Amino acid sequence: MSRGSLNLFRADDSRSALHRARRIGLQAGSLATLPRPVAAFWWRALRRAQAERDTWSIDVACRPAELRVLLDALAPARRVAEIGTAAAWTTSCIALARPDREVHSWDVERHPERARYLALLSPADRARVHLYDRPGGRGPEDPPPVDAVFIDSSHELEETVATFRTWEPALAPGAIVGFHDYDDDAYPGVTEAVRELGLTGEARGHLFVWRKPA
């Protein structure tokens, strides 16, 4: 994605000015409903990105409306695995949503931007975030016990399927897996992966939530 001119909307967004204005209103309202530590972090991260003219991190970050849905789905989970760290905005927000939560986040590369935003966390909160540079579809050699997995990586069919199959055996009954960008025309591989896996779950906007049966 471009690291050029600053834009609060994604680079390929072609919606009208009126539609964009409505979306800004939605995001502002959603930001106000997020847990205070999460909202404060997201706003500080946005200001930091604007100051650095870091359009890529803005492009890949979950917007407040998406975060509200995601954090609601993850609410019971004390240990979360995230596949797709990117700039670590969402990683940090998942951790900040619960003061007792541990987040283990995987990515195929160590994006230099993530250090900029992880630095916004307090030392105690930063200690609850564990980063790994390894494809999520391969997973860890010794998977940590987690209560939820959030898949937000390449969005390709094969990798999404592989990531789910890697993590599912490590999950206890009742644990959840969230697939980001489900039913999104820009990322058909996610929807195709859910169908190929034969999963039955709940679509919450563009988040598909599957719960491991007993």
N, C-alpha and C. Protein backbone atom coordinates (compact mmCIF):
# COMPACT_ATOMS: atom_id res chain seq x y z
N MET A 1 0.83 -1.19 0.00
CA MET A 1 0.00 0.00 0.00
C MET A 1 0.88 1.25 0.00
N SER A 2 0.33 2.31 -0.50
CA SER A 2 1.09 3.53 -0.63
C SER A 2 1.44 4.13 0.72
N ARG A 3 2.66 4.67 0.82
CA ARG A 3 3.06 5.43 1.98
C ARG A 3 3.15 6.90 1.62
N GLY A 4 2.36 7.32 0.64
CA GLY A 4 2.40 8.68 0.14
C GLY A 4 1.50 9.62 0.90
N SER A 5 0.55 10.25 0.18
CA SER A 5 -0.28 11.27 0.81
C SER A 5 -1.17 10.67 1.90
N LEU A 6 -1.41 11.48 2.92
CA LEU A 6 -2.18 11.02 4.06
C LEU A 6 -3.66 10.98 3.72
N ASN A 7 -4.33 9.91 4.11
CA ASN A 7 -5.76 9.78 3.88
C ASN A 7 -6.32 8.88 4.96
N LEU A 8 -7.38 9.31 5.62
CA LEU A 8 -7.95 8.50 6.69
C LEU A 8 -8.75 7.33 6.16
N PHE A 9 -8.99 7.30 4.85
CA PHE A 9 -9.66 6.17 4.21
C PHE A 9 -8.63 5.33 3.47
N ARG A 10 -8.94 4.07 3.25
CA ARG A 10 -8.01 3.19 2.58
C ARG A 10 -7.76 3.67 1.15
N ALA A 11 -6.59 3.31 0.64
CA ALA A 11 -6.14 3.85 -0.64
C ALA A 11 -7.09 3.55 -1.78
N ASP A 12 -7.79 2.41 -1.74
CA ASP A 12 -8.67 2.02 -2.84
C ASP A 12 -10.13 2.41 -2.58
N ASP A 13 -10.39 3.26 -1.60
CA ASP A 13 -11.75 3.66 -1.27
C ASP A 13 -12.26 4.64 -2.34
N SER A 14 -13.38 4.28 -2.99
CA SER A 14 -13.92 5.12 -4.07
C SER A 14 -15.30 5.68 -3.74
N ARG A 15 -15.68 5.68 -2.46
CA ARG A 15 -17.00 6.16 -2.06
C ARG A 15 -17.11 7.68 -2.19
N SER A 16 -18.34 8.15 -2.29
CA SER A 16 -18.58 9.58 -2.46
C SER A 16 -18.22 10.34 -1.19
N ALA A 17 -18.11 11.67 -1.33
CA ALA A 17 -17.79 12.51 -0.17
C ALA A 17 -18.88 12.39 0.90
N LEU A 18 -20.14 12.28 0.48
CA LEU A 18 -21.24 12.15 1.44
C LEU A 18 -21.13 10.83 2.20
N HIS A 19 -20.86 9.76 1.47
CA HIS A 19 -20.71 8.45 2.11
C HIS A 19 -19.54 8.47 3.09
N ARG A 20 -18.46 9.10 2.70
CA ARG A 20 -17.30 9.18 3.58
C ARG A 20 -17.63 9.97 4.85
N ALA A 21 -18.37 11.04 4.69
CA ALA A 21 -18.75 11.85 5.86
C ALA A 21 -19.59 11.02 6.83
N ARG A 22 -20.49 10.21 6.28
CA ARG A 22 -21.30 9.34 7.13
C ARG A 22 -20.44 8.31 7.84
N ARG A 23 -19.45 7.78 7.14
CA ARG A 23 -18.57 6.79 7.76
C ARG A 23 -17.73 7.42 8.88
N ILE A 24 -17.31 8.65 8.68
CA ILE A 24 -16.56 9.32 9.73
C ILE A 24 -17.43 9.47 10.97
N GLY A 25 -18.70 9.81 10.76
CA GLY A 25 -19.63 9.91 11.89
C GLY A 25 -19.78 8.58 12.60
N LEU A 26 -19.89 7.49 11.84
CA LEU A 26 -20.01 6.16 12.42
C LEU A 26 -18.77 5.82 13.23
N GLN A 27 -17.59 6.09 12.66
CA GLN A 27 -16.35 5.75 13.36
C GLN A 27 -16.18 6.58 14.63
N ALA A 28 -16.55 7.85 14.57
CA ALA A 28 -16.45 8.70 15.76
C ALA A 28 -17.36 8.18 16.86
N GLY A 29 -18.59 7.79 16.49
CA GLY A 29 -19.52 7.25 17.48
C GLY A 29 -19.02 5.94 18.05
N SER A 30 -18.44 5.09 17.19
CA SER A 30 -17.92 3.80 17.65
C SER A 30 -16.72 3.99 18.56
N LEU A 31 -15.87 4.97 18.26
CA LEU A 31 -14.70 5.24 19.09
C LEU A 31 -15.14 5.58 20.52
N ALA A 32 -16.23 6.31 20.63
CA ALA A 32 -16.71 6.72 21.95
C ALA A 32 -17.23 5.55 22.77
N THR A 33 -17.59 4.45 22.12
CA THR A 33 -18.14 3.29 22.84
C THR A 33 -17.08 2.26 23.20
N LEU A 34 -15.86 2.43 22.71
CA LEU A 34 -14.80 1.48 23.01
C LEU A 34 -14.33 1.67 24.46
N PRO A 35 -13.77 0.62 25.07
CA PRO A 35 -13.18 0.80 26.40
C PRO A 35 -12.21 1.98 26.37
N ARG A 36 -12.18 2.75 27.44
CA ARG A 36 -11.39 3.99 27.44
C ARG A 36 -9.93 3.77 27.08
N PRO A 37 -9.24 2.75 27.61
CA PRO A 37 -7.84 2.56 27.22
C PRO A 37 -7.68 2.28 25.73
N VAL A 38 -8.64 1.55 25.15
CA VAL A 38 -8.58 1.23 23.72
C VAL A 38 -8.78 2.49 22.90
N ALA A 39 -9.82 3.27 23.22
CA ALA A 39 -10.10 4.49 22.47
C ALA A 39 -8.93 5.46 22.57
N ALA A 40 -8.35 5.58 23.76
CA ALA A 40 -7.23 6.50 23.94
C ALA A 40 -6.03 6.06 23.10
N PHE A 41 -5.76 4.75 23.09
CA PHE A 41 -4.64 4.25 22.29
C PHE A 41 -4.90 4.51 20.81
N TRP A 42 -6.10 4.19 20.34
CA TRP A 42 -6.39 4.32 18.91
C TRP A 42 -6.22 5.77 18.46
N TRP A 43 -6.68 6.69 19.28
CA TRP A 43 -6.58 8.11 18.92
C TRP A 43 -5.11 8.55 18.92
N ARG A 44 -4.33 8.11 19.91
CA ARG A 44 -2.92 8.46 19.95
C ARG A 44 -2.17 7.85 18.77
N ALA A 45 -2.53 6.62 18.40
CA ALA A 45 -1.88 5.98 17.26
C ALA A 45 -2.20 6.74 15.97
N LEU A 46 -3.45 7.17 15.83
CA LEU A 46 -3.83 7.93 14.65
C LEU A 46 -3.04 9.24 14.58
N ARG A 47 -2.93 9.93 15.70
CA ARG A 47 -2.18 11.19 15.72
C ARG A 47 -0.71 10.94 15.40
N ARG A 48 -0.15 9.84 15.92
CA ARG A 48 1.24 9.52 15.61
C ARG A 48 1.40 9.22 14.12
N ALA A 49 0.46 8.47 13.54
CA ALA A 49 0.53 8.16 12.11
C ALA A 49 0.43 9.42 11.27
N GLN A 50 -0.45 10.33 11.67
CA GLN A 50 -0.58 11.59 10.94
C GLN A 50 0.71 12.40 11.00
N ALA A 51 1.32 12.44 12.19
CA ALA A 51 2.56 13.20 12.35
C ALA A 51 3.69 12.61 11.51
N GLU A 52 3.70 11.28 11.40
CA GLU A 52 4.74 10.58 10.64
C GLU A 52 4.38 10.40 9.17
N ARG A 53 3.16 10.81 8.81
CA ARG A 53 2.62 10.59 7.46
C ARG A 53 2.70 9.11 7.09
N ASP A 54 2.29 8.30 8.03
CA ASP A 54 2.33 6.85 7.90
C ASP A 54 0.97 6.35 7.40
N THR A 55 0.74 6.44 6.11
CA THR A 55 -0.55 6.04 5.56
C THR A 55 -0.75 4.53 5.61
N TRP A 56 0.34 3.77 5.53
CA TRP A 56 0.20 2.31 5.51
C TRP A 56 -0.44 1.81 6.80
N SER A 57 0.02 2.30 7.93
CA SER A 57 -0.53 1.84 9.21
C SER A 57 -2.00 2.22 9.34
N ILE A 58 -2.37 3.38 8.85
CA ILE A 58 -3.79 3.76 8.87
C ILE A 58 -4.59 2.83 7.98
N ASP A 59 -4.04 2.49 6.83
CA ASP A 59 -4.74 1.61 5.88
C ASP A 59 -5.04 0.25 6.48
N VAL A 60 -4.06 -0.33 7.20
CA VAL A 60 -4.22 -1.71 7.65
C VAL A 60 -4.87 -1.85 9.02
N ALA A 61 -5.07 -0.75 9.73
CA ALA A 61 -5.62 -0.82 11.08
C ALA A 61 -7.13 -1.08 11.05
N CYS A 62 -7.61 -1.82 12.05
CA CYS A 62 -9.05 -1.98 12.24
C CYS A 62 -9.64 -0.63 12.63
N ARG A 63 -10.75 -0.23 11.98
CA ARG A 63 -11.43 0.99 12.34
C ARG A 63 -12.22 0.78 13.64
N PRO A 64 -12.60 1.87 14.33
CA PRO A 64 -13.34 1.73 15.59
C PRO A 64 -14.59 0.87 15.51
N ALA A 65 -15.36 0.97 14.42
CA ALA A 65 -16.57 0.16 14.31
C ALA A 65 -16.22 -1.32 14.23
N GLU A 66 -15.15 -1.66 13.52
CA GLU A 66 -14.70 -3.05 13.46
C GLU A 66 -14.17 -3.51 14.81
N LEU A 67 -13.44 -2.64 15.47
CA LEU A 67 -12.89 -2.98 16.78
C LEU A 67 -13.99 -3.29 17.79
N ARG A 68 -15.05 -2.52 17.75
CA ARG A 68 -16.15 -2.73 18.69
C ARG A 68 -16.72 -4.14 18.53
N VAL A 69 -16.92 -4.58 17.30
CA VAL A 69 -17.43 -5.92 17.03
C VAL A 69 -16.42 -6.98 17.46
N LEU A 70 -15.15 -6.76 17.10
CA LEU A 70 -14.11 -7.73 17.43
C LEU A 70 -13.94 -7.89 18.94
N LEU A 71 -13.85 -6.78 19.65
CA LEU A 71 -13.62 -6.85 21.09
C LEU A 71 -14.81 -7.46 21.82
N ASP A 72 -16.00 -7.25 21.29
CA ASP A 72 -17.17 -7.89 21.89
C ASP A 72 -17.08 -9.41 21.73
N ALA A 73 -16.65 -9.85 20.54
CA ALA A 73 -16.52 -11.29 20.30
C ALA A 73 -15.43 -11.91 21.17
N LEU A 74 -14.36 -11.16 21.42
CA LEU A 74 -13.23 -11.68 22.18
C LEU A 74 -13.37 -11.47 23.69
N ALA A 75 -14.45 -10.86 24.12
CA ALA A 75 -14.58 -10.43 25.52
C ALA A 75 -14.25 -11.52 26.54
N PRO A 76 -14.69 -12.77 26.37
CA PRO A 76 -14.40 -13.77 27.41
C PRO A 76 -12.96 -14.27 27.42
N ALA A 77 -12.20 -13.99 26.37
CA ALA A 77 -10.88 -14.61 26.19
C ALA A 77 -9.79 -13.86 26.95
N ARG A 78 -9.05 -14.58 27.78
CA ARG A 78 -7.92 -14.00 28.50
C ARG A 78 -6.62 -14.18 27.73
N ARG A 79 -6.58 -15.17 26.83
CA ARG A 79 -5.38 -15.42 26.04
C ARG A 79 -5.78 -15.48 24.57
N VAL A 80 -5.23 -14.57 23.78
CA VAL A 80 -5.63 -14.44 22.38
C VAL A 80 -4.42 -14.58 21.47
N ALA A 81 -4.58 -15.35 20.39
CA ALA A 81 -3.58 -15.40 19.33
C ALA A 81 -4.09 -14.57 18.16
N GLU A 82 -3.26 -13.68 17.69
CA GLU A 82 -3.60 -12.86 16.52
C GLU A 82 -2.67 -13.26 15.38
N ILE A 83 -3.25 -13.52 14.21
CA ILE A 83 -2.45 -13.88 13.04
C ILE A 83 -2.49 -12.69 12.09
N GLY A 84 -1.40 -11.93 12.04
CA GLY A 84 -1.33 -10.73 11.23
C GLY A 84 -1.13 -9.50 12.09
N THR A 85 0.10 -9.28 12.54
CA THR A 85 0.39 -8.16 13.44
C THR A 85 0.32 -6.82 12.73
N ALA A 86 0.88 -6.76 11.53
CA ALA A 86 0.97 -5.51 10.76
C ALA A 86 1.62 -4.43 11.62
N ALA A 87 0.94 -3.28 11.82
CA ALA A 87 1.51 -2.17 12.59
C ALA A 87 1.19 -2.27 14.07
N ALA A 88 0.51 -3.34 14.49
CA ALA A 88 0.23 -3.64 15.90
C ALA A 88 -0.81 -2.72 16.54
N TRP A 89 -1.60 -1.99 15.74
CA TRP A 89 -2.70 -1.21 16.33
C TRP A 89 -3.73 -2.16 16.95
N THR A 90 -4.20 -3.12 16.14
CA THR A 90 -5.22 -4.03 16.63
C THR A 90 -4.66 -4.91 17.75
N THR A 91 -3.42 -5.34 17.60
CA THR A 91 -2.75 -6.12 18.64
C THR A 91 -2.84 -5.40 19.98
N SER A 92 -2.48 -4.13 19.98
CA SER A 92 -2.48 -3.33 21.21
C SER A 92 -3.90 -3.15 21.74
N CYS A 93 -4.85 -2.92 20.86
CA CYS A 93 -6.23 -2.72 21.30
C CYS A 93 -6.81 -3.98 21.93
N ILE A 94 -6.48 -5.14 21.35
CA ILE A 94 -6.95 -6.40 21.94
C ILE A 94 -6.39 -6.56 23.35
N ALA A 95 -5.13 -6.22 23.53
CA ALA A 95 -4.52 -6.33 24.86
C ALA A 95 -5.15 -5.34 25.84
N LEU A 96 -5.37 -4.11 25.41
CA LEU A 96 -5.87 -3.07 26.29
C LEU A 96 -7.33 -3.26 26.68
N ALA A 97 -8.06 -4.07 25.93
CA ALA A 97 -9.47 -4.27 26.23
C ALA A 97 -9.69 -5.00 27.55
N ARG A 98 -8.68 -5.76 28.00
CA ARG A 98 -8.74 -6.44 29.29
C ARG A 98 -7.38 -6.33 29.97
N PRO A 99 -7.32 -5.85 31.20
CA PRO A 99 -6.02 -5.68 31.85
C PRO A 99 -5.33 -6.99 32.21
N ASP A 100 -6.06 -8.11 32.13
CA ASP A 100 -5.47 -9.41 32.45
C ASP A 100 -5.23 -10.26 31.21
N ARG A 101 -5.30 -9.66 30.03
CA ARG A 101 -5.22 -10.44 28.79
C ARG A 101 -3.79 -10.50 28.26
N GLU A 102 -3.40 -11.70 27.78
CA GLU A 102 -2.14 -11.91 27.08
C GLU A 102 -2.45 -12.05 25.59
N VAL A 103 -1.66 -11.38 24.75
CA VAL A 103 -1.85 -11.46 23.31
C VAL A 103 -0.57 -11.99 22.67
N HIS A 104 -0.70 -13.04 21.89
CA HIS A 104 0.41 -13.61 21.12
C HIS A 104 0.11 -13.33 19.66
N SER A 105 0.99 -12.57 19.00
CA SER A 105 0.71 -12.12 17.63
C SER A 105 1.80 -12.57 16.67
N TRP A 106 1.36 -13.14 15.53
CA TRP A 106 2.25 -13.68 14.50
C TRP A 106 2.18 -12.84 13.23
N ASP A 107 3.33 -12.71 12.54
CA ASP A 107 3.35 -12.11 11.21
C ASP A 107 4.49 -12.73 10.42
N VAL A 108 4.39 -12.61 9.11
CA VAL A 108 5.42 -13.20 8.26
C VAL A 108 6.68 -12.33 8.24
N GLU A 109 6.57 -11.08 8.68
CA GLU A 109 7.74 -10.21 8.73
C GLU A 109 7.61 -9.21 9.87
N ARG A 110 8.73 -8.64 10.24
CA ARG A 110 8.76 -7.67 11.33
C ARG A 110 8.61 -6.28 10.71
N HIS A 111 7.39 -5.81 10.62
CA HIS A 111 7.15 -4.50 10.03
C HIS A 111 7.76 -3.42 10.93
N PRO A 112 8.57 -2.53 10.38
CA PRO A 112 9.23 -1.52 11.22
C PRO A 112 8.24 -0.58 11.90
N GLU A 113 7.06 -0.40 11.31
CA GLU A 113 6.07 0.53 11.89
C GLU A 113 5.57 0.07 13.26
N ARG A 114 5.58 -1.22 13.51
CA ARG A 114 4.93 -1.70 14.73
C ARG A 114 5.61 -1.18 16.00
N ALA A 115 6.92 -1.00 15.96
CA ALA A 115 7.63 -0.49 17.13
C ALA A 115 7.14 0.91 17.50
N ARG A 116 6.79 1.70 16.49
CA ARG A 116 6.32 3.07 16.72
C ARG A 116 5.07 3.09 17.57
N TYR A 117 4.17 2.13 17.35
CA TYR A 117 2.88 2.14 18.05
C TYR A 117 2.92 1.32 19.33
N LEU A 118 3.72 0.27 19.36
CA LEU A 118 3.88 -0.47 20.62
C LEU A 118 4.52 0.42 21.68
N ALA A 119 5.28 1.41 21.25
CA ALA A 119 5.91 2.34 22.19
C ALA A 119 4.88 3.20 22.92
N LEU A 120 3.66 3.25 22.41
CA LEU A 120 2.60 4.01 23.07
C LEU A 120 2.02 3.28 24.28
N LEU A 121 2.32 1.99 24.41
CA LEU A 121 1.83 1.21 25.54
C LEU A 121 2.69 1.45 26.78
N SER A 122 2.09 1.30 27.93
CA SER A 122 2.86 1.35 29.17
C SER A 122 3.73 0.10 29.24
N PRO A 123 4.82 0.12 30.01
CA PRO A 123 5.66 -1.09 30.12
C PRO A 123 4.86 -2.31 30.57
N ALA A 124 3.91 -2.14 31.48
CA ALA A 124 3.12 -3.28 31.96
C ALA A 124 2.24 -3.84 30.85
N ASP A 125 1.63 -2.97 30.06
CA ASP A 125 0.79 -3.44 28.96
C ASP A 125 1.64 -4.04 27.84
N ARG A 126 2.78 -3.43 27.58
CA ARG A 126 3.66 -3.97 26.53
C ARG A 126 4.13 -5.37 26.88
N ALA A 127 4.31 -5.65 28.16
CA ALA A 127 4.77 -6.97 28.60
C ALA A 127 3.74 -8.05 28.35
N ARG A 128 2.48 -7.66 28.11
CA ARG A 128 1.43 -8.64 27.85
C ARG A 128 1.28 -8.95 26.37
N VAL A 129 2.10 -8.32 25.53
CA VAL A 129 2.06 -8.53 24.09
C VAL A 129 3.32 -9.28 23.67
N HIS A 130 3.14 -10.43 23.02
CA HIS A 130 4.25 -11.29 22.61
C HIS A 130 4.23 -11.42 21.09
N LEU A 131 5.34 -11.08 20.45
CA LEU A 131 5.41 -11.04 18.99
C LEU A 131 6.26 -12.19 18.45
N TYR A 132 5.83 -12.71 17.28
CA TYR A 132 6.53 -13.81 16.63
C TYR A 132 6.58 -13.51 15.14
N ASP A 133 7.73 -13.74 14.52
CA ASP A 133 7.89 -13.55 13.09
C ASP A 133 7.92 -14.91 12.42
N ARG A 134 6.74 -15.37 12.04
CA ARG A 134 6.60 -16.70 11.46
C ARG A 134 5.20 -16.78 10.85
N PRO A 135 5.04 -17.37 9.66
CA PRO A 135 3.70 -17.45 9.07
C PRO A 135 2.70 -18.11 9.99
N GLY A 136 1.53 -17.50 10.13
CA GLY A 136 0.51 -18.06 11.01
C GLY A 136 0.03 -19.42 10.58
N GLY A 137 0.09 -19.69 9.26
CA GLY A 137 -0.31 -20.99 8.77
C GLY A 137 0.61 -22.10 9.21
N ARG A 138 1.85 -21.76 9.53
CA ARG A 138 2.78 -22.75 10.09
C ARG A 138 2.61 -22.83 11.60
N GLY A 139 2.29 -21.70 12.19
CA GLY A 139 2.04 -21.66 13.62
C GLY A 139 3.31 -21.84 14.43
N PRO A 140 3.18 -21.78 15.73
CA PRO A 140 4.33 -21.96 16.60
C PRO A 140 4.71 -23.42 16.71
N GLU A 141 5.96 -23.68 17.02
CA GLU A 141 6.38 -25.07 17.21
C GLU A 141 5.71 -25.67 18.43
N ASP A 142 5.46 -24.82 19.43
CA ASP A 142 4.78 -25.27 20.65
C ASP A 142 3.67 -24.27 20.95
N PRO A 143 2.47 -24.46 20.41
CA PRO A 143 1.42 -23.45 20.53
C PRO A 143 1.10 -23.11 21.99
N PRO A 144 1.07 -21.82 22.34
CA PRO A 144 0.66 -21.45 23.69
C PRO A 144 -0.83 -21.71 23.85
N PRO A 145 -1.30 -22.01 25.04
CA PRO A 145 -2.74 -22.20 25.24
C PRO A 145 -3.45 -20.87 25.07
N VAL A 146 -4.44 -20.83 24.20
CA VAL A 146 -5.19 -19.59 23.97
C VAL A 146 -6.69 -19.90 23.99
N ASP A 147 -7.47 -18.87 24.26
CA ASP A 147 -8.92 -18.99 24.30
C ASP A 147 -9.58 -18.51 23.02
N ALA A 148 -8.80 -17.82 22.17
CA ALA A 148 -9.36 -17.28 20.93
C ALA A 148 -8.24 -17.05 19.93
N VAL A 149 -8.58 -17.15 18.65
CA VAL A 149 -7.65 -16.87 17.56
C VAL A 149 -8.32 -15.86 16.63
N PHE A 150 -7.61 -14.79 16.32
CA PHE A 150 -8.10 -13.78 15.38
C PHE A 150 -7.25 -13.87 14.13
N ILE A 151 -7.85 -14.28 13.00
CA ILE A 151 -7.12 -14.47 11.74
C ILE A 151 -7.30 -13.25 10.86
N ASP A 152 -6.21 -12.53 10.64
CA ASP A 152 -6.24 -11.29 9.85
C ASP A 152 -4.91 -11.17 9.11
N SER A 153 -4.60 -12.19 8.31
CA SER A 153 -3.29 -12.23 7.66
C SER A 153 -3.39 -11.92 6.18
N SER A 154 -3.02 -12.87 5.32
CA SER A 154 -2.97 -12.59 3.88
C SER A 154 -4.35 -12.51 3.24
N HIS A 155 -5.36 -13.11 3.88
CA HIS A 155 -6.72 -13.20 3.35
C HIS A 155 -6.82 -14.11 2.14
N GLU A 156 -5.77 -14.84 1.83
CA GLU A 156 -5.80 -15.80 0.72
C GLU A 156 -6.43 -17.10 1.20
N LEU A 157 -7.10 -17.79 0.28
CA LEU A 157 -7.82 -19.02 0.62
C LEU A 157 -6.90 -20.04 1.28
N GLU A 158 -5.79 -20.38 0.63
CA GLU A 158 -4.94 -21.46 1.13
C GLU A 158 -4.36 -21.14 2.50
N GLU A 159 -3.87 -19.91 2.68
CA GLU A 159 -3.25 -19.58 3.96
C GLU A 159 -4.29 -19.50 5.08
N THR A 160 -5.47 -19.00 4.77
CA THR A 160 -6.52 -18.91 5.80
C THR A 160 -6.92 -20.30 6.26
N VAL A 161 -7.09 -21.22 5.31
CA VAL A 161 -7.42 -22.60 5.66
C VAL A 161 -6.30 -23.22 6.49
N ALA A 162 -5.06 -23.02 6.05
CA ALA A 162 -3.92 -23.61 6.76
C ALA A 162 -3.81 -23.05 8.18
N THR A 163 -4.06 -21.76 8.34
CA THR A 163 -3.97 -21.15 9.66
C THR A 163 -5.01 -21.74 10.60
N PHE A 164 -6.24 -21.88 10.12
CA PHE A 164 -7.28 -22.47 10.96
C PHE A 164 -6.91 -23.90 11.35
N ARG A 165 -6.46 -24.69 10.39
CA ARG A 165 -6.14 -26.09 10.68
C ARG A 165 -4.95 -26.23 11.61
N THR A 166 -4.04 -25.27 11.59
CA THR A 166 -2.90 -25.29 12.49
C THR A 166 -3.33 -25.04 13.93
N TRP A 167 -4.24 -24.09 14.12
CA TRP A 167 -4.60 -23.67 15.47
C TRP A 167 -5.76 -24.43 16.09
N GLU A 168 -6.66 -24.95 15.29
CA GLU A 168 -7.87 -25.58 15.84
C GLU A 168 -7.58 -26.70 16.84
N PRO A 169 -6.59 -27.58 16.59
CA PRO A 169 -6.34 -28.66 17.56
C PRO A 169 -5.87 -28.14 18.92
N ALA A 170 -5.28 -26.94 18.97
CA ALA A 170 -4.76 -26.40 20.23
C ALA A 170 -5.83 -25.71 21.05
N LEU A 171 -7.04 -25.57 20.49
CA LEU A 171 -8.10 -24.84 21.17
C LEU A 171 -8.98 -25.77 22.00
N ALA A 172 -9.33 -25.32 23.19
CA ALA A 172 -10.24 -26.07 24.04
C ALA A 172 -11.67 -25.88 23.57
N PRO A 173 -12.58 -26.79 23.90
CA PRO A 173 -14.00 -26.59 23.57
C PRO A 173 -14.49 -25.25 24.11
N GLY A 174 -15.24 -24.55 23.27
CA GLY A 174 -15.75 -23.24 23.65
C GLY A 174 -14.89 -22.09 23.19
N ALA A 175 -13.63 -22.36 22.79
CA ALA A 175 -12.76 -21.31 22.28
C ALA A 175 -13.28 -20.82 20.93
N ILE A 176 -12.95 -19.59 20.58
CA ILE A 176 -13.47 -19.02 19.33
C ILE A 176 -12.35 -18.69 18.36
N VAL A 177 -12.74 -18.67 17.07
CA VAL A 177 -11.86 -18.21 16.00
C VAL A 177 -12.61 -17.14 15.24
N GLY A 178 -11.99 -15.98 15.09
CA GLY A 178 -12.59 -14.89 14.32
C GLY A 178 -11.85 -14.69 13.02
N PHE A 179 -12.59 -14.63 11.93
CA PHE A 179 -12.02 -14.40 10.59
C PHE A 179 -12.34 -12.97 10.17
N HIS A 180 -11.31 -12.14 10.02
CA HIS A 180 -11.53 -10.75 9.63
C HIS A 180 -11.78 -10.65 8.12
N ASP A 181 -12.55 -9.65 7.72
CA ASP A 181 -12.85 -9.36 6.32
C ASP A 181 -13.65 -10.47 5.65
N TYR A 182 -14.51 -11.12 6.42
CA TYR A 182 -15.44 -12.12 5.88
C TYR A 182 -16.53 -11.41 5.08
N ASP A 183 -17.00 -12.05 4.02
CA ASP A 183 -18.07 -11.50 3.18
C ASP A 183 -17.73 -10.10 2.68
N ASP A 184 -16.46 -9.92 2.33
CA ASP A 184 -15.96 -8.66 1.79
C ASP A 184 -15.47 -8.95 0.38
N ASP A 185 -16.04 -8.24 -0.60
CA ASP A 185 -15.69 -8.51 -1.99
C ASP A 185 -14.21 -8.30 -2.27
N ALA A 186 -13.55 -7.46 -1.45
CA ALA A 186 -12.14 -7.21 -1.66
C ALA A 186 -11.27 -8.38 -1.21
N TYR A 187 -11.83 -9.27 -0.38
CA TYR A 187 -11.06 -10.39 0.17
C TYR A 187 -11.87 -11.68 0.06
N PRO A 188 -12.14 -12.15 -1.14
CA PRO A 188 -12.99 -13.34 -1.30
C PRO A 188 -12.40 -14.60 -0.70
N GLY A 189 -11.07 -14.64 -0.54
CA GLY A 189 -10.43 -15.84 -0.02
C GLY A 189 -10.88 -16.19 1.39
N VAL A 190 -11.24 -15.18 2.20
CA VAL A 190 -11.67 -15.45 3.56
C VAL A 190 -13.01 -16.18 3.56
N THR A 191 -13.96 -15.68 2.79
CA THR A 191 -15.27 -16.32 2.70
C THR A 191 -15.14 -17.72 2.12
N GLU A 192 -14.31 -17.86 1.09
CA GLU A 192 -14.10 -19.18 0.48
C GLU A 192 -13.49 -20.15 1.48
N ALA A 193 -12.59 -19.66 2.33
CA ALA A 193 -11.96 -20.53 3.33
C ALA A 193 -12.97 -21.03 4.34
N VAL A 194 -13.84 -20.14 4.82
CA VAL A 194 -14.87 -20.54 5.78
C VAL A 194 -15.77 -21.61 5.17
N ARG A 195 -16.12 -21.45 3.90
CA ARG A 195 -16.97 -22.42 3.22
C ARG A 195 -16.25 -23.75 3.03
N GLU A 196 -14.98 -23.68 2.61
CA GLU A 196 -14.22 -24.92 2.38
C GLU A 196 -14.06 -25.69 3.68
N LEU A 197 -13.89 -24.99 4.79
CA LEU A 197 -13.73 -25.63 6.09
C LEU A 197 -15.05 -26.16 6.64
N GLY A 198 -16.16 -25.75 6.03
CA GLY A 198 -17.47 -26.21 6.47
C GLY A 198 -17.86 -25.71 7.85
N LEU A 199 -17.45 -24.49 8.18
CA LEU A 199 -17.69 -23.96 9.52
C LEU A 199 -19.09 -23.37 9.65
N THR A 200 -19.70 -23.61 10.79
CA THR A 200 -20.98 -23.02 11.13
C THR A 200 -20.74 -22.01 12.25
N GLY A 201 -21.11 -20.78 12.01
CA GLY A 201 -20.87 -19.75 13.00
C GLY A 201 -21.75 -18.55 12.77
N GLU A 202 -21.27 -17.39 13.21
CA GLU A 202 -22.07 -16.17 13.15
C GLU A 202 -21.28 -15.07 12.44
N ALA A 203 -21.91 -14.44 11.47
CA ALA A 203 -21.31 -13.29 10.79
C ALA A 203 -21.73 -12.03 11.52
N ARG A 204 -20.74 -11.29 12.02
CA ARG A 204 -20.99 -10.01 12.68
C ARG A 204 -20.33 -8.93 11.83
N GLY A 205 -21.10 -8.37 10.91
CA GLY A 205 -20.49 -7.47 9.95
C GLY A 205 -19.52 -8.26 9.09
N HIS A 206 -18.28 -7.80 9.02
CA HIS A 206 -17.26 -8.51 8.25
C HIS A 206 -16.36 -9.37 9.13
N LEU A 207 -16.89 -9.76 10.28
CA LEU A 207 -16.19 -10.70 11.16
C LEU A 207 -17.01 -11.97 11.25
N PHE A 208 -16.39 -13.11 10.92
CA PHE A 208 -17.05 -14.40 11.07
C PHE A 208 -16.51 -15.06 12.33
N VAL A 209 -17.42 -15.45 13.22
CA VAL A 209 -17.03 -16.02 14.50
C VAL A 209 -17.45 -17.48 14.57
N TRP A 210 -16.48 -18.35 14.79
CA TRP A 210 -16.74 -19.80 14.96
C TRP A 210 -16.34 -20.19 16.37
N ARG A 211 -17.17 -20.98 17.01
CA ARG A 211 -16.90 -21.46 18.36
C ARG A 211 -16.69 -22.97 18.31
N LYS A 212 -15.59 -23.43 18.91
CA LYS A 212 -15.29 -24.86 18.89
C LYS A 212 -16.30 -25.61 19.75
N PRO A 213 -16.96 -26.59 19.18
CA PRO A 213 -17.98 -27.33 19.96
C PRO A 213 -17.36 -28.22 21.03
N ALA A 214 -18.17 -28.57 21.98
CA ALA A 214 -17.71 -29.47 23.05
C ALA A 214 -17.51 -30.87 22.48
